[in-house]
Amino acid sequence: MAGEHHDEPIDLVASAGALDPVIATLREFLHHSGAVRAVAVVDGTDEGDGPALVDVGRLLPIEVQHGTRVVHLPHAIELDAPPLGLVDVRQLPPFEVDPASGEVAATIGGVEHLARATRDLARLIGGRSVAMAQFDTTTPDLRFGVAARGDDPIVLTIGEEEFEMEPGWPDAAASEAVEEGEHGG
């Protein structure tokens, strides 16, 4: 992961080749969402070495690990590739969280917004790729995270604690709320 110590020297490069659009996409997501970190495990890369890990942290070098090779790119480097697309995401105030109980106090719809955006990010990257984003909370050094892959259940994290959501959440919850409202539920 970006910023971790590696035993082997890490090459500083200006491009990660076919992964440049993923880097551009994660960097745009990071900047628009206010995330501390956006990561993708990219399914089906052209290199044939299995998945690649792309880790974009705030104010850190971008790290790409593919097979046994790890490279860094300067965070602000201009890539010769556009993002794969843009995800509808906005920056929200930090959430107040309690890892012991799993409680999150947030802007109304805030958790659902970040969950949908992270799922949309994973879908944009494609295949069975996984997207993960970490956000600041009101507790220093305690992060709120969202991980998503396609239609798999979304996983929320508070620090080291993981909470797997029900299949279909958050879209199923929104549909149920609309139906209840329509029927006076």
Protein backbone atom coordinates (compact mmCIF):
# COMPACT_ATOMS: atom_id res chain seq x y z
CA MET A 1 0.00 0.00 0.00
CA ALA A 2 1.15 3.56 -0.62
CA GLY A 3 3.58 4.72 2.00
CA GLU A 4 4.45 1.20 3.26
CA HIS A 5 8.05 0.01 3.37
CA HIS A 6 9.07 -2.52 0.71
CA ASP A 7 12.18 -4.70 0.76
CA GLU A 8 12.81 -4.22 -2.97
CA PRO A 9 13.57 -0.81 -4.48
CA ILE A 10 10.50 0.82 -5.99
CA ASP A 11 10.78 2.33 -9.44
CA LEU A 12 9.43 5.84 -9.97
CA VAL A 13 7.68 5.86 -13.33
CA ALA A 14 5.69 8.32 -15.45
CA SER A 15 3.12 5.76 -16.62
CA ALA A 16 1.60 2.44 -15.58
CA GLY A 17 0.62 1.68 -19.17
CA ALA A 18 -2.83 0.13 -19.51
CA LEU A 19 -3.60 1.05 -15.88
CA ASP A 20 -3.26 4.81 -16.48
CA PRO A 21 -7.05 5.27 -17.06
CA VAL A 22 -7.71 3.50 -13.73
CA ILE A 23 -5.21 5.79 -12.00
CA ALA A 24 -6.86 8.85 -13.54
CA THR A 25 -10.29 7.57 -12.46
CA LEU A 26 -9.23 6.88 -8.87
CA ARG A 27 -7.50 10.24 -8.63
CA GLU A 28 -10.64 12.07 -9.84
CA PHE A 29 -12.75 10.10 -7.36
CA LEU A 30 -10.33 10.94 -4.54
CA HIS A 31 -10.40 14.65 -5.34
CA HIS A 32 -14.18 14.90 -5.82
CA SER A 33 -15.13 12.77 -2.81
CA GLY A 34 -12.59 14.12 -0.32
CA ALA A 35 -11.45 10.55 0.37
CA VAL A 36 -8.17 9.98 2.15
CA ARG A 37 -7.50 7.00 -0.09
CA ALA A 38 -9.01 5.28 -3.14
CA VAL A 39 -7.88 1.79 -4.08
CA ALA A 40 -8.78 -0.64 -6.85
CA VAL A 41 -8.00 -4.30 -7.30
CA VAL A 42 -8.26 -4.39 -11.07
CA ASP A 43 -9.55 -7.60 -12.59
CA GLY A 44 -8.22 -8.87 -15.90
CA THR A 45 -5.27 -6.69 -16.80
CA ASP A 46 -3.49 -7.13 -20.14
CA GLU A 47 -0.28 -8.26 -18.49
CA GLY A 48 -1.66 -11.73 -17.63
CA ASP A 49 -0.21 -11.71 -14.10
CA GLY A 50 -3.58 -11.69 -12.40
CA PRO A 51 -5.14 -8.64 -10.79
CA ALA A 52 -3.32 -5.37 -10.24
CA LEU A 53 -3.55 -3.17 -7.15
CA VAL A 54 -3.76 0.59 -7.69
CA ASP A 55 -3.55 2.72 -4.53
CA VAL A 56 -4.11 6.48 -4.69
CA GLY A 57 -3.68 8.29 -1.39
CA ARG A 58 -4.11 11.94 -0.56
CA LEU A 59 -0.76 13.74 -0.93
CA LEU A 60 1.08 10.43 -1.48
CA PRO A 61 2.72 8.82 -4.50
CA ILE A 62 0.39 6.58 -6.49
CA GLU A 63 1.35 2.94 -6.01
CA VAL A 64 0.74 0.21 -8.57
CA GLN A 65 1.46 -3.42 -7.79
CA HIS A 66 1.15 -5.94 -10.57
CA GLY A 67 2.46 -9.40 -9.86
CA THR A 68 5.71 -8.93 -7.97
CA ARG A 69 6.50 -5.52 -9.44
CA VAL A 70 5.69 -2.35 -7.49
CA VAL A 71 6.02 1.11 -9.02
CA HIS A 72 5.23 4.62 -7.86
CA LEU A 73 3.98 7.59 -9.87
CA PRO A 74 4.01 11.17 -8.61
CA HIS A 75 0.49 12.03 -7.43
CA ALA A 76 0.14 15.11 -9.65
CA ILE A 77 1.72 13.62 -12.79
CA GLU A 78 -0.12 14.38 -16.01
CA LEU A 79 -1.15 11.09 -17.57
CA ASP A 80 -1.68 10.54 -21.26
CA ALA A 81 -5.02 8.87 -20.52
CA PRO A 82 -8.39 10.26 -19.50
CA PRO A 83 -10.43 8.80 -16.63
CA LEU A 84 -12.68 5.86 -17.56
CA GLY A 85 -15.58 8.16 -16.65
CA LEU A 86 -16.72 10.25 -13.72
CA VAL A 87 -18.62 9.01 -10.69
CA ASP A 88 -21.39 11.16 -9.21
CA VAL A 89 -19.85 11.84 -5.81
CA ARG A 90 -19.58 14.87 -3.57
CA GLN A 91 -17.50 15.64 -0.54
CA LEU A 92 -19.31 15.25 2.77
CA PRO A 93 -18.37 16.37 6.28
CA PRO A 94 -16.52 13.74 8.33
CA PHE A 95 -18.77 11.14 9.93
CA GLU A 96 -18.95 10.54 13.66
CA VAL A 97 -18.38 6.81 14.16
CA ASP A 98 -18.33 4.22 16.93
CA PRO A 99 -16.40 1.09 15.90
CA ALA A 100 -17.64 -0.95 18.87
CA SER A 101 -21.34 -0.56 18.01
CA GLY A 102 -20.98 0.07 14.28
CA GLU A 103 -22.94 3.32 14.61
CA VAL A 104 -22.36 6.13 12.14
CA ALA A 105 -23.74 9.65 12.56
CA ALA A 106 -23.69 11.35 9.19
CA THR A 107 -25.45 13.75 6.89
CA ILE A 108 -28.83 12.26 5.92
CA GLY A 109 -28.15 9.82 3.09
CA GLY A 110 -24.38 10.33 3.39
CA VAL A 111 -23.40 6.72 4.00
CA GLU A 112 -25.66 5.56 1.17
CA HIS A 113 -24.23 8.24 -1.15
CA LEU A 114 -20.64 7.10 -0.57
CA ALA A 115 -21.66 3.43 -0.88
CA ARG A 116 -23.36 4.01 -4.24
CA ALA A 117 -20.44 6.11 -5.48
CA THR A 118 -17.89 3.46 -4.51
CA ARG A 119 -19.98 0.72 -6.14
CA ASP A 120 -20.27 2.88 -9.28
CA LEU A 121 -16.49 3.31 -9.20
CA ALA A 122 -15.98 -0.49 -9.10
CA ARG A 123 -18.42 -0.95 -11.99
CA LEU A 124 -16.68 1.77 -13.99
CA ILE A 125 -13.34 0.00 -13.59
CA GLY A 126 -15.07 -3.16 -14.80
CA GLY A 127 -15.06 -6.93 -14.53
CA ARG A 128 -14.80 -8.31 -11.01
CA SER A 129 -12.70 -5.34 -9.92
CA VAL A 130 -12.99 -4.11 -6.34
CA ALA A 131 -13.04 -0.43 -5.35
CA MET A 132 -12.35 0.77 -1.84
CA ALA A 133 -12.34 4.27 -0.43
CA GLN A 134 -11.43 5.55 3.02
CA PHE A 135 -12.71 8.79 4.51
CA ASP A 136 -11.84 10.91 7.53
CA THR A 137 -14.07 10.72 10.60
CA THR A 138 -14.38 13.09 13.53
CA THR A 139 -11.97 10.80 15.42
CA PRO A 140 -8.33 11.43 14.40
CA ASP A 141 -6.65 8.41 12.75
CA LEU A 142 -9.93 6.44 12.59
CA ARG A 143 -11.14 5.94 9.02
CA PHE A 144 -14.57 5.11 7.61
CA GLY A 145 -14.30 2.86 4.57
CA VAL A 146 -16.48 1.52 1.80
CA ALA A 147 -15.59 -1.49 -0.37
CA ALA A 148 -17.61 -2.63 -3.36
CA ARG A 149 -17.50 -5.07 -6.26
CA GLY A 150 -20.29 -5.13 -8.83
CA ASP A 151 -23.52 -6.37 -7.26
CA ASP A 152 -21.81 -8.07 -4.28
CA PRO A 153 -22.83 -6.80 -0.84
CA ILE A 154 -21.06 -3.58 0.12
CA VAL A 155 -18.71 -3.74 3.08
CA LEU A 156 -18.38 -0.75 5.41
CA THR A 157 -15.44 -0.40 7.77
CA ILE A 158 -14.82 1.68 10.84
CA GLY A 159 -11.15 1.36 11.64
CA GLU A 160 -10.49 -2.40 11.64
CA GLU A 161 -14.15 -3.38 12.17
CA GLU A 162 -16.03 -4.66 9.09
CA PHE A 163 -19.78 -4.57 8.50
CA GLU A 164 -21.21 -6.41 5.48
CA MET A 165 -24.43 -4.83 4.30
CA GLU A 166 -27.49 -6.74 3.10
CA PRO A 167 -27.49 -7.70 -0.60
CA GLY A 168 -28.98 -4.88 -2.66
CA TRP A 169 -28.23 -2.18 -0.08
CA PRO A 170 -28.36 0.82 -0.43
CA ASP A 171 -30.64 0.70 -3.47
CA ALA A 172 -33.07 -1.80 -1.93
CA ALA A 173 -33.40 0.40 1.18
CA ALA A 174 -34.18 3.44 -0.96
CA SER A 175 -36.83 1.52 -2.94
CA GLU A 176 -38.48 0.30 0.26
CA ALA A 177 -38.57 3.83 1.70
CA VAL A 178 -40.23 5.17 -1.46
CA GLU A 179 -42.80 2.35 -1.42
CA GLU A 180 -43.59 2.97 2.25
CA GLY A 181 -44.03 6.66 1.54
CA GLU A 182 -46.32 5.95 -1.42
CA HIS A 183 -48.48 3.58 0.61
CA GLY A 184 -48.53 5.65 3.77
CA GLY A 185 -46.42 2.91 5.47
